[in-house]
Amino acid sequence: MWICKVKSSSFGIVYKANDLFANDYVAIKVLKITGDNNKLPDESVILKGCKSKYIVNYIDVIQKENELWVSNETIE
């Protein structure tokens, strides 16, 4: 469920949302796809494997038509 729009830029829009499964807030980045996106599955696997206290936790990515919806943990 969308909570609010956080930021908008030339790359896309960031929303704060409620993850109904985890009962927690997440950040959803909605990005327009332009050009070649053949490397996206590889990048998604790499990001899921990155665990560090110094970076925001990547949750998942979903492709919907010409958009990518990237979910990350939020930092309050």
PDB file of N, CA and C in Angstrom:
ATOM      1  N   MET A   1       0.835  -1.163   0.000  1.00  0.00           N
ATOM      2  CA  MET A   1       0.000   0.000   0.000  1.00  0.00           C
ATOM      3  C   MET A   1       0.894   1.245   0.000  1.00  0.00           C
ATOM      4  N   TRP A   2       0.609   2.187  -0.911  1.00  0.00           N
ATOM      5  CA  TRP A   2       1.366   3.437  -0.969  1.00  0.00           C
ATOM      6  C   TRP A   2       1.040   4.283   0.245  1.00  0.00           C
ATOM      7  N   ILE A   3       2.070   4.869   0.813  1.00  0.00           N
ATOM      8  CA  ILE A   3       1.876   5.791   1.924  1.00  0.00           C
ATOM      9  C   ILE A   3       2.004   7.226   1.419  1.00  0.00           C
ATOM     10  N   CYS A   4       3.148   7.539   0.797  1.00  0.00           N
ATOM     11  CA  CYS A   4       3.346   8.887   0.290  1.00  0.00           C
ATOM     12  C   CYS A   4       4.491   8.917  -0.719  1.00  0.00           C
ATOM     13  N   LYS A   5       4.452   9.923  -1.574  1.00  0.00           N
ATOM     14  CA  LYS A   5       5.549  10.173  -2.507  1.00  0.00           C
ATOM     15  C   LYS A   5       6.642  10.909  -1.745  1.00  0.00           C
ATOM     16  N   VAL A   6       7.873  10.398  -1.841  1.00  0.00           N
ATOM     17  CA  VAL A   6       8.981  10.969  -1.081  1.00  0.00           C
ATOM     18  C   VAL A   6       9.782  11.935  -1.934  1.00  0.00           C
ATOM     19  N   LYS A   7      10.108  11.514  -3.162  1.00  0.00           N
ATOM     20  CA  LYS A   7      10.963  12.339  -4.012  1.00  0.00           C
ATOM     21  C   LYS A   7      10.718  12.002  -5.477  1.00  0.00           C
ATOM     22  N   SER A   8      10.886  12.997  -6.319  1.00  0.00           N
ATOM     23  CA  SER A   8      10.757  12.817  -7.758  1.00  0.00           C
ATOM     24  C   SER A   8      11.994  13.399  -8.428  1.00  0.00           C
ATOM     25  N   SER A   9      12.501  12.676  -9.441  1.00  0.00           N
ATOM     26  CA  SER A   9      13.666  13.164 -10.177  1.00  0.00           C
ATOM     27  C   SER A   9      13.522  12.752 -11.630  1.00  0.00           C
ATOM     28  N   SER A  10      14.536  13.055 -12.425  1.00  0.00           N
ATOM     29  CA  SER A  10      14.497  12.674 -13.841  1.00  0.00           C
ATOM     30  C   SER A  10      14.605  11.159 -14.008  1.00  0.00           C
ATOM     31  N   PHE A  11      15.101  10.438 -12.987  1.00  0.00           N
ATOM     32  CA  PHE A  11      15.228   8.981 -13.049  1.00  0.00           C
ATOM     33  C   PHE A  11      13.927   8.273 -12.697  1.00  0.00           C
ATOM     34  N   GLY A  12      13.121   8.872 -11.843  1.00  0.00           N
ATOM     35  CA  GLY A  12      11.883   8.230 -11.421  1.00  0.00           C
ATOM     36  C   GLY A  12      11.329   8.852 -10.159  1.00  0.00           C
ATOM     37  N   ILE A  13      10.457   8.093  -9.504  1.00  0.00           N
ATOM     38  CA  ILE A  13       9.772   8.570  -8.299  1.00  0.00           C
ATOM     39  C   ILE A  13      10.011   7.565  -7.179  1.00  0.00           C
ATOM     40  N   VAL A  14      10.241   8.078  -5.978  1.00  0.00           N
ATOM     41  CA  VAL A  14      10.414   7.226  -4.802  1.00  0.00           C
ATOM     42  C   VAL A  14       9.184   7.394  -3.906  1.00  0.00           C
ATOM     43  N   TYR A  15       8.617   6.254  -3.515  1.00  0.00           N
ATOM     44  CA  TYR A  15       7.463   6.234  -2.626  1.00  0.00           C
ATOM     45  C   TYR A  15       7.823   5.521  -1.331  1.00  0.00           C
ATOM     46  N   LYS A  16       7.199   5.925  -0.262  1.00  0.00           N
ATOM     47  CA  LYS A  16       7.248   5.170   0.982  1.00  0.00           C
ATOM     48  C   LYS A  16       5.983   4.319   0.984  1.00  0.00           C
ATOM     49  N   ALA A  17       6.140   3.024   1.267  1.00  0.00           N
ATOM     50  CA  ALA A  17       4.999   2.112   1.222  1.00  0.00           C
ATOM     51  C   ALA A  17       5.038   1.183   2.418  1.00  0.00           C
ATOM     52  N   ASN A  18       3.901   0.572   2.686  1.00  0.00           N
ATOM     53  CA  ASN A  18       3.800  -0.393   3.763  1.00  0.00           C
ATOM     54  C   ASN A  18       3.853  -1.791   3.154  1.00  0.00           C
ATOM     55  N   ASP A  19       4.863  -2.581   3.535  1.00  0.00           N
ATOM     56  CA  ASP A  19       4.974  -3.971   3.093  1.00  0.00           C
ATOM     57  C   ASP A  19       4.010  -4.787   3.946  1.00  0.00           C
ATOM     58  N   LEU A  20       2.922  -5.235   3.345  1.00  0.00           N
ATOM     59  CA  LEU A  20       1.888  -5.923   4.104  1.00  0.00           C
ATOM     60  C   LEU A  20       2.333  -7.292   4.593  1.00  0.00           C
ATOM     61  N   PHE A  21       3.301  -7.913   3.907  1.00  0.00           N
ATOM     62  CA  PHE A  21       3.791  -9.230   4.332  1.00  0.00           C
ATOM     63  C   PHE A  21       4.747  -9.118   5.513  1.00  0.00           C
ATOM     64  N   ALA A  22       5.643  -8.137   5.472  1.00  0.00           N
ATOM     65  CA  ALA A  22       6.636  -7.970   6.537  1.00  0.00           C
ATOM     66  C   ALA A  22       6.155  -7.019   7.633  1.00  0.00           C
ATOM     67  N   ASN A  23       5.016  -6.350   7.395  1.00  0.00           N
ATOM     68  CA  ASN A  23       4.484  -5.363   8.324  1.00  0.00           C
ATOM     69  C   ASN A  23       5.536  -4.319   8.683  1.00  0.00           C
ATOM     70  N   ASP A  24       6.145  -3.743   7.632  1.00  0.00           N
ATOM     71  CA  ASP A  24       7.205  -2.755   7.803  1.00  0.00           C
ATOM     72  C   ASP A  24       7.148  -1.781   6.633  1.00  0.00           C
ATOM     73  N   TYR A  25       7.822  -0.659   6.771  1.00  0.00           N
ATOM     74  CA  TYR A  25       7.891   0.308   5.685  1.00  0.00           C
ATOM     75  C   TYR A  25       9.027  -0.037   4.730  1.00  0.00           C
ATOM     76  N   VAL A  26       8.810   0.225   3.449  1.00  0.00           N
ATOM     77  CA  VAL A  26       9.828   0.049   2.416  1.00  0.00           C
ATOM     78  C   VAL A  26       9.826   1.279   1.523  1.00  0.00           C
ATOM     79  N   ALA A  27      10.922   1.446   0.799  1.00  0.00           N
ATOM     80  CA  ALA A  27      10.998   2.487  -0.225  1.00  0.00           C
ATOM     81  C   ALA A  27      10.828   1.800  -1.571  1.00  0.00           C
ATOM     82  N   ILE A  28       9.953   2.322  -2.402  1.00  0.00           N
ATOM     83  CA  ILE A  28       9.733   1.790  -3.746  1.00  0.00           C
ATOM     84  C   ILE A  28      10.187   2.846  -4.738  1.00  0.00           C
ATOM     85  N   LYS A  29      11.198   2.501  -5.545  1.00  0.00           N
ATOM     86  CA  LYS A  29      11.654   3.391  -6.605  1.00  0.00           C
ATOM     87  C   LYS A  29      11.018   2.922  -7.904  1.00  0.00           C
ATOM     88  N   VAL A  30      10.261   3.793  -8.554  1.00  0.00           N
ATOM     89  CA  VAL A  30       9.630   3.476  -9.825  1.00  0.00           C
ATOM     90  C   VAL A  30      10.437   4.170 -10.914  1.00  0.00           C
ATOM     91  N   LEU A  31      11.151   3.364 -11.712  1.00  0.00           N
ATOM     92  CA  LEU A  31      12.068   3.887 -12.726  1.00  0.00           C
ATOM     93  C   LEU A  31      11.582   3.530 -14.124  1.00  0.00           C
ATOM     94  N   LYS A  32      11.667   4.472 -15.040  1.00  0.00           N
ATOM     95  CA  LYS A  32      11.345   4.211 -16.441  1.00  0.00           C
ATOM     96  C   LYS A  32      12.482   3.446 -17.087  1.00  0.00           C
ATOM     97  N   ILE A  33      12.153   2.411 -17.869  1.00  0.00           N
ATOM     98  CA  ILE A  33      13.159   1.627 -18.574  1.00  0.00           C
ATOM     99  C   ILE A  33      13.407   2.279 -19.929  1.00  0.00           C
ATOM    100  N   THR A  34      14.673   2.549 -20.197  1.00  0.00           N
ATOM    101  CA  THR A  34      15.061   3.075 -21.503  1.00  0.00           C
ATOM    102  C   THR A  34      16.247   2.273 -22.003  1.00  0.00           C
ATOM    103  N   GLY A  35      16.259   1.946 -23.270  1.00  0.00           N
ATOM    104  CA  GLY A  35      17.399   1.239 -23.847  1.00  0.00           C
ATOM    105  C   GLY A  35      17.415  -0.236 -23.503  1.00  0.00           C
ATOM    106  N   ASP A  36      18.617  -0.807 -23.483  1.00  0.00           N
ATOM    107  CA  ASP A  36      18.824  -2.238 -23.291  1.00  0.00           C
ATOM    108  C   ASP A  36      18.759  -2.597 -21.810  1.00  0.00           C
ATOM    109  N   ASN A  37      17.880  -3.529 -21.463  1.00  0.00           N
ATOM    110  CA  ASN A  37      17.766  -3.949 -20.065  1.00  0.00           C
ATOM    111  C   ASN A  37      18.093  -5.431 -19.888  1.00  0.00           C
ATOM    112  N   ASN A  38      18.920  -5.999 -20.758  1.00  0.00           N
ATOM    113  CA  ASN A  38      19.270  -7.412 -20.670  1.00  0.00           C
ATOM    114  C   ASN A  38      20.097  -7.746 -19.436  1.00  0.00           C
ATOM    115  N   LYS A  39      20.792  -6.783 -18.853  1.00  0.00           N
ATOM    116  CA  LYS A  39      21.651  -7.040 -17.701  1.00  0.00           C
ATOM    117  C   LYS A  39      20.907  -6.918 -16.372  1.00  0.00           C
ATOM    118  N   LEU A  40      19.640  -6.535 -16.407  1.00  0.00           N
ATOM    119  CA  LEU A  40      18.895  -6.315 -15.173  1.00  0.00           C
ATOM    120  C   LEU A  40      18.779  -7.558 -14.299  1.00  0.00           C
ATOM    121  N   PRO A  41      18.488  -8.755 -14.834  1.00  0.00           N
ATOM    122  CA  PRO A  41      18.423  -9.934 -13.953  1.00  0.00           C
ATOM    123  C   PRO A  41      19.747 -10.202 -13.234  1.00  0.00           C
ATOM    124  N   ASP A  42      20.877 -10.040 -13.913  1.00  0.00           N
ATOM    125  CA  ASP A  42      22.183 -10.246 -13.282  1.00  0.00           C
ATOM    126  C   ASP A  42      22.409  -9.241 -12.158  1.00  0.00           C
ATOM    127  N   GLU A  43      22.087  -7.989 -12.420  1.00  0.00           N
ATOM    128  CA  GLU A  43      22.277  -6.949 -11.409  1.00  0.00           C
ATOM    129  C   GLU A  43      21.379  -7.203 -10.199  1.00  0.00           C
ATOM    130  N   SER A  44      20.173  -7.669 -10.441  1.00  0.00           N
ATOM    131  CA  SER A  44      19.244  -7.968  -9.351  1.00  0.00           C
ATOM    132  C   SER A  44      19.798  -9.050  -8.436  1.00  0.00           C
ATOM    133  N   VAL A  45      20.375 -10.095  -9.003  1.00  0.00           N
ATOM    134  CA  VAL A  45      20.968 -11.180  -8.211  1.00  0.00           C
ATOM    135  C   VAL A  45      22.142 -10.658  -7.385  1.00  0.00           C
ATOM    136  N   ILE A  46      22.973  -9.823  -7.980  1.00  0.00           N
ATOM    137  CA  ILE A  46      24.119  -9.252  -7.264  1.00  0.00           C
ATOM    138  C   ILE A  46      23.643  -8.382  -6.100  1.00  0.00           C
ATOM    139  N   LEU A  47      22.651  -7.529  -6.344  1.00  0.00           N
ATOM    140  CA  LEU A  47      22.152  -6.643  -5.288  1.00  0.00           C
ATOM    141  C   LEU A  47      21.540  -7.433  -4.134  1.00  0.00           C
ATOM    142  N   LYS A  48      20.821  -8.518  -4.438  1.00  0.00           N
ATOM    143  CA  LYS A  48      20.230  -9.330  -3.369  1.00  0.00           C
ATOM    144  C   LYS A  48      21.294  -9.956  -2.482  1.00  0.00           C
ATOM    145  N   GLY A  49      22.476 -10.226  -3.048  1.00  0.00           N
ATOM    146  CA  GLY A  49      23.558 -10.836  -2.294  1.00  0.00           C
ATOM    147  C   GLY A  49      24.376  -9.858  -1.471  1.00  0.00           C
ATOM    148  N   CYS A  50      24.190  -8.564  -1.687  1.00  0.00           N
ATOM    149  CA  CYS A  50      24.965  -7.546  -0.960  1.00  0.00           C
ATOM    150  C   CYS A  50      24.344  -7.296   0.405  1.00  0.00           C
ATOM    151  N   LYS A  51      25.045  -7.673   1.429  1.00  0.00           N
ATOM    152  CA  LYS A  51      24.582  -7.436   2.799  1.00  0.00           C
ATOM    153  C   LYS A  51      25.684  -6.697   3.550  1.00  0.00           C
ATOM    154  N   SER A  52      25.383  -5.496   3.982  1.00  0.00           N
ATOM    155  CA  SER A  52      26.352  -4.693   4.703  1.00  0.00           C
ATOM    156  C   SER A  52      25.610  -3.693   5.580  1.00  0.00           C
ATOM    157  N   LYS A  53      26.181  -3.377   6.706  1.00  0.00           N
ATOM    158  CA  LYS A  53      25.574  -2.361   7.568  1.00  0.00           C
ATOM    159  C   LYS A  53      25.745  -0.960   6.988  1.00  0.00           C
ATOM    160  N   TYR A  54      26.554  -0.829   5.925  1.00  0.00           N
ATOM    161  CA  TYR A  54      26.833   0.476   5.329  1.00  0.00           C
ATOM    162  C   TYR A  54      25.955   0.809   4.124  1.00  0.00           C
ATOM    163  N   ILE A  55      25.146  -0.147   3.652  1.00  0.00           N
ATOM    164  CA  ILE A  55      24.275   0.126   2.501  1.00  0.00           C
ATOM    165  C   ILE A  55      22.834  -0.261   2.838  1.00  0.00           C
ATOM    166  N   VAL A  56      21.904   0.355   2.146  1.00  0.00           N
ATOM    167  CA  VAL A  56      20.483   0.060   2.330  1.00  0.00           C
ATOM    168  C   VAL A  56      20.199  -1.331   1.776  1.00  0.00           C
ATOM    169  N   ASN A  57      19.420  -2.114   2.503  1.00  0.00           N
ATOM    170  CA  ASN A  57      19.099  -3.469   2.096  1.00  0.00           C
ATOM    171  C   ASN A  57      18.165  -3.473   0.882  1.00  0.00           C
ATOM    172  N   TYR A  58      18.603  -4.137  -0.167  1.00  0.00           N
ATOM    173  CA  TYR A  58      17.810  -4.308  -1.374  1.00  0.00           C
ATOM    174  C   TYR A  58      16.847  -5.464  -1.148  1.00  0.00           C
ATOM    175  N   ILE A  59      15.569  -5.295  -1.471  1.00  0.00           N
ATOM    176  CA  ILE A  59      14.586  -6.342  -1.237  1.00  0.00           C
ATOM    177  C   ILE A  59      14.269  -7.096  -2.524  1.00  0.00           C
ATOM    178  N   ASP A  60      13.809  -6.385  -3.552  1.00  0.00           N
ATOM    179  CA  ASP A  60      13.443  -7.062  -4.798  1.00  0.00           C
ATOM    180  C   ASP A  60      13.214  -6.035  -5.901  1.00  0.00           C
ATOM    181  N   VAL A  61      13.085  -6.535  -7.126  1.00  0.00           N
ATOM    182  CA  VAL A  61      12.744  -5.692  -8.266  1.00  0.00           C
ATOM    183  C   VAL A  61      11.664  -6.396  -9.076  1.00  0.00           C
ATOM    184  N   ILE A  62      10.723  -5.607  -9.554  1.00  0.00           N
ATOM    185  CA  ILE A  62       9.644  -6.121 -10.395  1.00  0.00           C
ATOM    186  C   ILE A  62       9.596  -5.272 -11.653  1.00  0.00           C
ATOM    187  N   GLN A  63       9.496  -5.920 -12.806  1.00  0.00           N
ATOM    188  CA  GLN A  63       9.360  -5.193 -14.068  1.00  0.00           C
ATOM    189  C   GLN A  63       7.899  -5.190 -14.462  1.00  0.00           C
ATOM    190  N   LYS A  64       7.357  -4.001 -14.671  1.00  0.00           N
ATOM    191  CA  LYS A  64       5.978  -3.829 -15.123  1.00  0.00           C
ATOM    192  C   LYS A  64       6.012  -2.977 -16.380  1.00  0.00           C
ATOM    193  N   GLU A  65       5.756  -3.608 -17.517  1.00  0.00           N
ATOM    194  CA  GLU A  65       5.782  -2.946 -18.818  1.00  0.00           C
ATOM    195  C   GLU A  65       7.089  -2.181 -19.002  1.00  0.00           C
ATOM    196  N   ASN A  66       7.049  -0.859 -19.041  1.00  0.00           N
ATOM    197  CA  ASN A  66       8.270  -0.075 -19.267  1.00  0.00           C
ATOM    198  C   ASN A  66       8.800   0.570 -17.979  1.00  0.00           C
ATOM    199  N   GLU A  67       8.504  -0.067 -16.827  1.00  0.00           N
ATOM    200  CA  GLU A  67       8.963   0.446 -15.540  1.00  0.00           C
ATOM    201  C   GLU A  67       9.617  -0.658 -14.719  1.00  0.00           C
ATOM    202  N   LEU A  68      10.546  -0.240 -13.870  1.00  0.00           N
ATOM    203  CA  LEU A  68      11.109  -1.121 -12.849  1.00  0.00           C
ATOM    204  C   LEU A  68      10.654  -0.602 -11.498  1.00  0.00           C
ATOM    205  N   TRP A  69      10.196  -1.502 -10.653  1.00  0.00           N
ATOM    206  CA  TRP A  69       9.814  -1.150  -9.297  1.00  0.00           C
ATOM    207  C   TRP A  69      10.825  -1.807  -8.379  1.00  0.00           C
ATOM    208  N   VAL A  70      11.722  -1.009  -7.800  1.00  0.00           N
ATOM    209  CA  VAL A  70      12.802  -1.505  -6.957  1.00  0.00           C
ATOM    210  C   VAL A  70      12.442  -1.225  -5.510  1.00  0.00           C
ATOM    211  N   SER A  71      12.434  -2.275  -4.675  1.00  0.00           N
ATOM    212  CA  SER A  71      12.099  -2.067  -3.263  1.00  0.00           C
ATOM    213  C   SER A  71      13.343  -2.217  -2.396  1.00  0.00           C
ATOM    214  N   ASN A  72      13.481  -1.303  -1.468  1.00  0.00           N
ATOM    215  CA  ASN A  72      14.591  -1.253  -0.514  1.00  0.00           C
ATOM    216  C   ASN A  72      14.034  -0.991   0.866  1.00  0.00           C
ATOM    217  N   GLU A  73      14.844  -1.327   1.888  1.00  0.00           N
ATOM    218  CA  GLU A  73      14.447  -0.955   3.238  1.00  0.00           C
ATOM    219  C   GLU A  73      14.483   0.561   3.353  1.00  0.00           C
ATOM    220  N   THR A  74      13.760   1.075   4.313  1.00  0.00           N
ATOM    221  CA  THR A  74      13.789   2.522   4.555  1.00  0.00           C
ATOM    222  C   THR A  74      14.727   2.823   5.712  1.00  0.00           C
ATOM    223  N   ILE A  75      15.239   4.030   5.722  1.00  0.00           N
ATOM    224  CA  ILE A  75      16.067   4.508   6.810  1.00  0.00           C
ATOM    225  C   ILE A  75      15.377   5.744   7.375  1.00  0.00           C
ATOM    226  N   GLU A  76      15.025   5.663   8.599  1.00  0.00           N
ATOM    227  CA  GLU A  76      14.289   6.764   9.241  1.00  0.00           C
ATOM    228  C   GLU A  76      15.250   7.797   9.772  1.00  0.00           C
TER     229      GLU A  76
END
